[in-house]
Amino acid sequence: MRHPPDTADRTAALLSACLMEAARGRARTAAHLRVRGPGALPMMLAQGLFVAVAALAVVRLFHPV
């Protein structure tokens, strides 16, 4: 038997869905822009690091150790 989801479960699922949509949108934008030239690699690495840190912060917020 499954227990009904509580508010924290629903909120975590909603935030997860929002992050997934944001990641898809960022991937589409990057594909359309086709960032090239000097400084493109560091900029893309910085953006990826920012997204990873933000995602970890959200996960940590809802699943404290």
N, C-alpha and C. Protein backbone atom coordinates (compact mmCIF):
# COMPACT_ATOMS: atom_id res chain seq x y z
N MET A 1 0.85 -1.19 0.00
CA MET A 1 0.00 0.00 0.00
C MET A 1 0.89 1.24 0.00
N ARG A 2 0.51 2.18 -0.82
CA ARG A 2 1.24 3.43 -0.87
C ARG A 2 0.58 4.44 0.04
N HIS A 3 1.41 5.22 0.70
CA HIS A 3 0.86 6.26 1.56
C HIS A 3 0.60 7.51 0.71
N PRO A 4 -0.39 8.30 1.06
CA PRO A 4 -0.66 9.51 0.28
C PRO A 4 0.49 10.51 0.45
N PRO A 5 0.86 11.21 -0.63
CA PRO A 5 1.98 12.14 -0.53
C PRO A 5 1.64 13.31 0.38
N ASP A 6 2.62 13.70 1.20
CA ASP A 6 2.39 14.85 2.06
C ASP A 6 2.89 16.12 1.35
N THR A 7 2.80 17.24 1.99
CA THR A 7 3.14 18.52 1.38
C THR A 7 4.61 18.59 0.98
N ALA A 8 5.50 18.07 1.81
CA ALA A 8 6.94 18.11 1.50
C ALA A 8 7.24 17.28 0.25
N ASP A 9 6.59 16.10 0.12
CA ASP A 9 6.82 15.27 -1.06
C ASP A 9 6.33 15.97 -2.32
N ARG A 10 5.17 16.58 -2.24
CA ARG A 10 4.64 17.28 -3.42
C ARG A 10 5.51 18.47 -3.79
N THR A 11 5.98 19.21 -2.79
CA THR A 11 6.82 20.37 -3.06
C THR A 11 8.14 19.94 -3.69
N ALA A 12 8.74 18.89 -3.18
CA ALA A 12 9.99 18.38 -3.74
C ALA A 12 9.79 17.92 -5.18
N ALA A 13 8.69 17.25 -5.46
CA ALA A 13 8.41 16.79 -6.82
C ALA A 13 8.20 17.98 -7.76
N LEU A 14 7.52 19.01 -7.29
CA LEU A 14 7.30 20.20 -8.10
C LEU A 14 8.62 20.90 -8.42
N LEU A 15 9.47 21.06 -7.41
CA LEU A 15 10.76 21.69 -7.65
C LEU A 15 11.63 20.86 -8.58
N SER A 16 11.57 19.56 -8.45
CA SER A 16 12.32 18.68 -9.33
C SER A 16 11.86 18.86 -10.78
N ALA A 17 10.55 18.93 -10.99
CA ALA A 17 10.02 19.13 -12.33
C ALA A 17 10.44 20.49 -12.89
N CYS A 18 10.44 21.51 -12.04
CA CYS A 18 10.86 22.85 -12.50
C CYS A 18 12.33 22.85 -12.90
N LEU A 19 13.18 22.18 -12.10
CA LEU A 19 14.60 22.11 -12.44
C LEU A 19 14.83 21.35 -13.75
N MET A 20 14.07 20.29 -13.96
CA MET A 20 14.22 19.53 -15.20
C MET A 20 13.83 20.38 -16.41
N GLU A 21 12.74 21.13 -16.29
CA GLU A 21 12.31 22.01 -17.39
C GLU A 21 13.33 23.11 -17.63
N ALA A 22 13.91 23.65 -16.56
CA ALA A 22 14.93 24.69 -16.71
C ALA A 22 16.16 24.13 -17.40
N ALA A 23 16.54 22.90 -17.04
CA ALA A 23 17.70 22.28 -17.68
C ALA A 23 17.45 22.04 -19.15
N ARG A 24 16.24 21.59 -19.49
CA ARG A 24 15.90 21.39 -20.91
C ARG A 24 15.94 22.71 -21.66
N GLY A 25 15.39 23.76 -21.04
CA GLY A 25 15.40 25.07 -21.68
C GLY A 25 16.80 25.58 -21.87
N ARG A 26 17.67 25.38 -20.88
CA ARG A 26 19.07 25.82 -20.99
C ARG A 26 19.76 25.06 -22.11
N ALA A 27 19.49 23.75 -22.23
CA ALA A 27 20.11 22.96 -23.29
C ALA A 27 19.66 23.44 -24.66
N ARG A 28 18.36 23.74 -24.80
CA ARG A 28 17.87 24.25 -26.08
C ARG A 28 18.50 25.60 -26.40
N THR A 29 18.61 26.48 -25.40
CA THR A 29 19.21 27.80 -25.61
C THR A 29 20.67 27.66 -26.02
N ALA A 30 21.41 26.80 -25.35
CA ALA A 30 22.82 26.60 -25.69
C ALA A 30 22.96 26.06 -27.11
N ALA A 31 22.06 25.17 -27.50
CA ALA A 31 22.13 24.63 -28.85
C ALA A 31 21.83 25.72 -29.88
N HIS A 32 20.91 26.60 -29.58
CA HIS A 32 20.57 27.67 -30.53
C HIS A 32 21.67 28.72 -30.60
N LEU A 33 22.28 29.03 -29.47
CA LEU A 33 23.33 30.07 -29.46
C LEU A 33 24.65 29.56 -30.03
N ARG A 34 24.94 28.28 -29.85
CA ARG A 34 26.20 27.68 -30.31
C ARG A 34 27.37 28.57 -29.91
N VAL A 35 27.57 28.64 -28.61
CA VAL A 35 28.62 29.49 -28.05
C VAL A 35 29.97 29.04 -28.58
N ARG A 36 30.70 29.99 -29.19
CA ARG A 36 32.01 29.69 -29.74
C ARG A 36 32.95 30.84 -29.46
N GLY A 37 34.19 30.60 -29.74
CA GLY A 37 35.17 31.67 -29.61
C GLY A 37 35.92 31.59 -28.30
N PRO A 38 36.82 32.56 -28.10
CA PRO A 38 37.61 32.56 -26.86
C PRO A 38 36.73 32.80 -25.65
N GLY A 39 36.95 32.02 -24.62
CA GLY A 39 36.18 32.18 -23.39
C GLY A 39 34.89 31.38 -23.35
N ALA A 40 34.57 30.65 -24.42
CA ALA A 40 33.31 29.90 -24.45
C ALA A 40 33.34 28.73 -23.46
N LEU A 41 34.46 28.01 -23.41
CA LEU A 41 34.55 26.86 -22.52
C LEU A 41 34.45 27.27 -21.06
N PRO A 42 35.21 28.26 -20.60
CA PRO A 42 35.06 28.66 -19.20
C PRO A 42 33.65 29.15 -18.86
N MET A 43 33.00 29.84 -19.80
CA MET A 43 31.64 30.33 -19.56
C MET A 43 30.68 29.15 -19.43
N MET A 44 30.80 28.16 -20.29
CA MET A 44 29.91 27.00 -20.22
C MET A 44 30.17 26.21 -18.94
N LEU A 45 31.43 26.07 -18.53
CA LEU A 45 31.74 25.37 -17.29
C LEU A 45 31.18 26.12 -16.09
N ALA A 46 31.28 27.44 -16.10
CA ALA A 46 30.74 28.24 -15.00
C ALA A 46 29.22 28.10 -14.92
N GLN A 47 28.55 28.11 -16.05
CA GLN A 47 27.10 27.95 -16.05
C GLN A 47 26.71 26.57 -15.54
N GLY A 48 27.42 25.54 -15.96
CA GLY A 48 27.13 24.19 -15.49
C GLY A 48 27.36 24.05 -14.00
N LEU A 49 28.43 24.66 -13.51
CA LEU A 49 28.71 24.62 -12.07
C LEU A 49 27.63 25.34 -11.28
N PHE A 50 27.17 26.49 -11.79
CA PHE A 50 26.11 27.22 -11.11
C PHE A 50 24.83 26.40 -11.02
N VAL A 51 24.45 25.75 -12.11
CA VAL A 51 23.24 24.93 -12.11
C VAL A 51 23.39 23.75 -11.15
N ALA A 52 24.57 23.13 -11.13
CA ALA A 52 24.79 22.00 -10.23
C ALA A 52 24.72 22.43 -8.77
N VAL A 53 25.32 23.56 -8.44
CA VAL A 53 25.29 24.05 -7.06
C VAL A 53 23.86 24.40 -6.65
N ALA A 54 23.11 25.04 -7.55
CA ALA A 54 21.73 25.39 -7.23
C ALA A 54 20.89 24.13 -7.02
N ALA A 55 21.08 23.12 -7.85
CA ALA A 55 20.33 21.88 -7.71
C ALA A 55 20.68 21.18 -6.39
N LEU A 56 21.95 21.16 -6.04
CA LEU A 56 22.35 20.54 -4.77
C LEU A 56 21.79 21.30 -3.58
N ALA A 57 21.72 22.62 -3.68
CA ALA A 57 21.15 23.41 -2.60
C ALA A 57 19.67 23.08 -2.40
N VAL A 58 18.95 22.91 -3.49
CA VAL A 58 17.52 22.57 -3.39
C VAL A 58 17.35 21.18 -2.80
N VAL A 59 18.16 20.24 -3.25
CA VAL A 59 18.08 18.89 -2.71
C VAL A 59 18.41 18.89 -1.22
N ARG A 60 19.43 19.63 -0.86
CA ARG A 60 19.84 19.70 0.55
C ARG A 60 18.75 20.35 1.40
N LEU A 61 18.02 21.29 0.81
CA LEU A 61 16.95 21.98 1.53
C LEU A 61 15.85 21.01 1.95
N PHE A 62 15.52 20.07 1.07
CA PHE A 62 14.40 19.16 1.36
C PHE A 62 14.84 17.83 1.96
N HIS A 63 16.13 17.53 1.91
CA HIS A 63 16.63 16.27 2.48
C HIS A 63 17.84 16.55 3.35
N PRO A 64 17.63 17.17 4.51
CA PRO A 64 18.77 17.46 5.38
C PRO A 64 19.41 16.18 5.91
N VAL A 65 20.69 16.24 6.13
CA VAL A 65 21.43 15.07 6.60
C VAL A 65 21.32 14.96 8.10
